[in-house]
């Protein structure tokens, strides 16, 4: 599996922010690979659940997209201020273990 986290928007543009954070499952330990697969499955389930009530967009808020390529292609999206918990956990994992 391969993941790319893209962040758009925000108050100020920081150099390198537009470049995605990339994570390849082959670069992970077996334990990390298992956790990555678990987080992807949880985020996929969460995305398939009924959407909560819409919230107003935050001025200068950020939007996030995680593209997963592997057996099944998956595109997950979220935006400030309401980032679903499983999406947030996957995003954090990709940030910690990926690279720009």
C-alpha atoms as a PDB file:
ATOM      1  CA  UNK A   1       0.000   0.000   0.000  1.00  0.00           C
ATOM      2  CA  UNK A   2       1.070   3.560  -0.688  1.00  0.00           C
ATOM      3  CA  UNK A   3      -0.396   6.749   0.844  1.00  0.00           C
ATOM      4  CA  UNK A   4      -0.111  10.414  -0.069  1.00  0.00           C
ATOM      5  CA  UNK A   5      -1.324  13.146   2.263  1.00  0.00           C
ATOM      6  CA  UNK A   6      -1.995  16.512   0.608  1.00  0.00           C
ATOM      7  CA  UNK A   7      -2.762  19.664   2.596  1.00  0.00           C
ATOM      8  CA  UNK A   8      -4.266  22.778   1.020  1.00  0.00           C
ATOM      9  CA  UNK A   9      -5.235  26.172   2.360  1.00  0.00           C
ATOM     10  CA  UNK A  10      -4.422  27.772   5.661  1.00  0.00           C
ATOM     11  CA  UNK A  11      -3.594  31.267   6.817  1.00  0.00           C
ATOM     12  CA  UNK A  12      -0.077  31.402   5.423  1.00  0.00           C
ATOM     13  CA  UNK A  13       1.610  29.428   2.699  1.00  0.00           C
ATOM     14  CA  UNK A  14       4.647  27.609   4.019  1.00  0.00           C
ATOM     15  CA  UNK A  15       7.303  26.380   1.575  1.00  0.00           C
ATOM     16  CA  UNK A  16       6.941  22.664   1.034  1.00  0.00           C
ATOM     17  CA  UNK A  17       3.423  22.473   2.481  1.00  0.00           C
ATOM     18  CA  UNK A  18       1.958  21.910  -0.972  1.00  0.00           C
ATOM     19  CA  UNK A  19       4.156  18.855  -1.499  1.00  0.00           C
ATOM     20  CA  UNK A  20       2.420  15.680  -0.315  1.00  0.00           C
ATOM     21  CA  UNK A  21       3.689  13.533   2.523  1.00  0.00           C
ATOM     22  CA  UNK A  22       4.325  10.096   1.014  1.00  0.00           C
ATOM     23  CA  UNK A  23       4.273   6.786   2.861  1.00  0.00           C
ATOM     24  CA  UNK A  24       5.094   3.414   1.329  1.00  0.00           C
ATOM     25  CA  UNK A  25       4.161   0.323   3.306  1.00  0.00           C
ATOM     26  CA  UNK A  26       7.419  -1.343   2.220  1.00  0.00           C
ATOM     27  CA  UNK A  27       9.329   1.227   4.308  1.00  0.00           C
ATOM     28  CA  UNK A  28       7.541   0.189   7.507  1.00  0.00           C
ATOM     29  CA  UNK A  29       8.340  -2.532  10.011  1.00  0.00           C
ATOM     30  CA  UNK A  30       5.896  -5.465  10.073  1.00  0.00           C
ATOM     31  CA  UNK A  31       4.232  -4.040  13.196  1.00  0.00           C
ATOM     32  CA  UNK A  32       3.922  -0.574  11.640  1.00  0.00           C
ATOM     33  CA  UNK A  33       2.557  -2.129   8.441  1.00  0.00           C
ATOM     34  CA  UNK A  34      -0.138  -3.894  10.449  1.00  0.00           C
ATOM     35  CA  UNK A  35      -1.032  -0.627  12.208  1.00  0.00           C
ATOM     36  CA  UNK A  36      -1.106   1.218   8.864  1.00  0.00           C
ATOM     37  CA  UNK A  37      -3.520  -1.371   7.413  1.00  0.00           C
ATOM     38  CA  UNK A  38      -5.714  -1.126  10.529  1.00  0.00           C
ATOM     39  CA  UNK A  39      -5.841   2.681  10.313  1.00  0.00           C
ATOM     40  CA  UNK A  40      -6.701   2.582   6.591  1.00  0.00           C
ATOM     41  CA  UNK A  41      -9.522   0.094   7.260  1.00  0.00           C
ATOM     42  CA  UNK A  42     -10.898   2.264  10.097  1.00  0.00           C
ATOM     43  CA  UNK A  43     -10.787   5.408   7.935  1.00  0.00           C
ATOM     44  CA  UNK A  44     -12.478   3.532   5.071  1.00  0.00           C
ATOM     45  CA  UNK A  45     -15.272   2.379   7.403  1.00  0.00           C
ATOM     46  CA  UNK A  46     -15.659   5.863   8.814  1.00  0.00           C
ATOM     47  CA  UNK A  47     -15.906   7.375   5.309  1.00  0.00           C
ATOM     48  CA  UNK A  48     -18.683   4.907   4.461  1.00  0.00           C
ATOM     49  CA  UNK A  49     -20.748   5.865   7.507  1.00  0.00           C
ATOM     50  CA  UNK A  50     -23.498   8.470   7.250  1.00  0.00           C
ATOM     51  CA  UNK A  51     -21.996  11.954   7.293  1.00  0.00           C
ATOM     52  CA  UNK A  52     -22.514  14.055  10.404  1.00  0.00           C
ATOM     53  CA  UNK A  53     -24.236  17.395  10.145  1.00  0.00           C
ATOM     54  CA  UNK A  54     -22.210  19.804   8.036  1.00  0.00           C
ATOM     55  CA  UNK A  55     -20.262  22.500   9.815  1.00  0.00           C
ATOM     56  CA  UNK A  56     -19.393  25.902   8.460  1.00  0.00           C
ATOM     57  CA  UNK A  57     -15.981  26.109   6.826  1.00  0.00           C
ATOM     58  CA  UNK A  58     -13.332  27.905   8.848  1.00  0.00           C
ATOM     59  CA  UNK A  59     -11.858  31.011   7.225  1.00  0.00           C
ATOM     60  CA  UNK A  60      -8.341  30.096   6.137  1.00  0.00           C
ATOM     61  CA  UNK A  61      -8.961  26.521   7.262  1.00  0.00           C
ATOM     62  CA  UNK A  62      -7.062  23.651   5.756  1.00  0.00           C
ATOM     63  CA  UNK A  63      -8.360  20.794   3.661  1.00  0.00           C
ATOM     64  CA  UNK A  64      -6.747  17.369   3.719  1.00  0.00           C
ATOM     65  CA  UNK A  65      -6.767  14.523   1.224  1.00  0.00           C
ATOM     66  CA  UNK A  66      -5.282  11.077   1.705  1.00  0.00           C
ATOM     67  CA  UNK A  67      -4.933   8.970  -1.433  1.00  0.00           C
ATOM     68  CA  UNK A  68      -4.344   5.270  -0.815  1.00  0.00           C
ATOM     69  CA  UNK A  69      -3.110   3.055  -3.639  1.00  0.00           C
ATOM     70  CA  UNK A  70      -2.922  -0.689  -3.244  1.00  0.00           C
ATOM     71  CA  UNK A  71      -5.403  -3.507  -3.756  1.00  0.00           C
ATOM     72  CA  UNK A  72      -8.197  -0.901  -3.656  1.00  0.00           C
ATOM     73  CA  UNK A  73      -7.724   2.758  -4.520  1.00  0.00           C
ATOM     74  CA  UNK A  74      -9.203   5.060  -1.918  1.00  0.00           C
ATOM     75  CA  UNK A  75      -9.473   8.854  -1.629  1.00  0.00           C
ATOM     76  CA  UNK A  76     -10.364  10.295   1.756  1.00  0.00           C
ATOM     77  CA  UNK A  77     -11.083  13.988   2.350  1.00  0.00           C
ATOM     78  CA  UNK A  78     -11.541  16.155   5.437  1.00  0.00           C
ATOM     79  CA  UNK A  79     -11.439  19.831   6.306  1.00  0.00           C
ATOM     80  CA  UNK A  80     -11.024  22.005   9.360  1.00  0.00           C
ATOM     81  CA  UNK A  81     -12.780  22.197  11.780  1.00  0.00           C
ATOM     82  CA  UNK A  82     -14.393  18.752  11.637  1.00  0.00           C
ATOM     83  CA  UNK A  83     -11.821  16.066  10.957  1.00  0.00           C
ATOM     84  CA  UNK A  84     -13.223  12.600  11.728  1.00  0.00           C
ATOM     85  CA  UNK A  85     -11.270  10.631  14.377  1.00  0.00           C
ATOM     86  CA  UNK A  86     -10.153   7.718  12.161  1.00  0.00           C
ATOM     87  CA  UNK A  87      -9.070  10.141   9.417  1.00  0.00           C
ATOM     88  CA  UNK A  88      -7.103  12.150  12.011  1.00  0.00           C
ATOM     89  CA  UNK A  89      -5.373   8.998  13.298  1.00  0.00           C
ATOM     90  CA  UNK A  90      -4.397   7.920   9.766  1.00  0.00           C
ATOM     91  CA  UNK A  91      -3.216  11.440   8.919  1.00  0.00           C
ATOM     92  CA  UNK A  92      -1.047  11.516  12.052  1.00  0.00           C
ATOM     93  CA  UNK A  93       0.467   8.109  11.195  1.00  0.00           C
ATOM     94  CA  UNK A  94       1.282   9.210   7.633  1.00  0.00           C
ATOM     95  CA  UNK A  95       2.877  12.420   8.934  1.00  0.00           C
ATOM     96  CA  UNK A  96       5.015  10.536  11.477  1.00  0.00           C
ATOM     97  CA  UNK A  97       6.172   7.739   9.152  1.00  0.00           C
ATOM     98  CA  UNK A  98       6.122   9.378   5.714  1.00  0.00           C
ATOM     99  CA  UNK A  99       8.382  11.876   3.999  1.00  0.00           C
ATOM    100  CA  UNK A 100       8.016  14.859   1.656  1.00  0.00           C
END
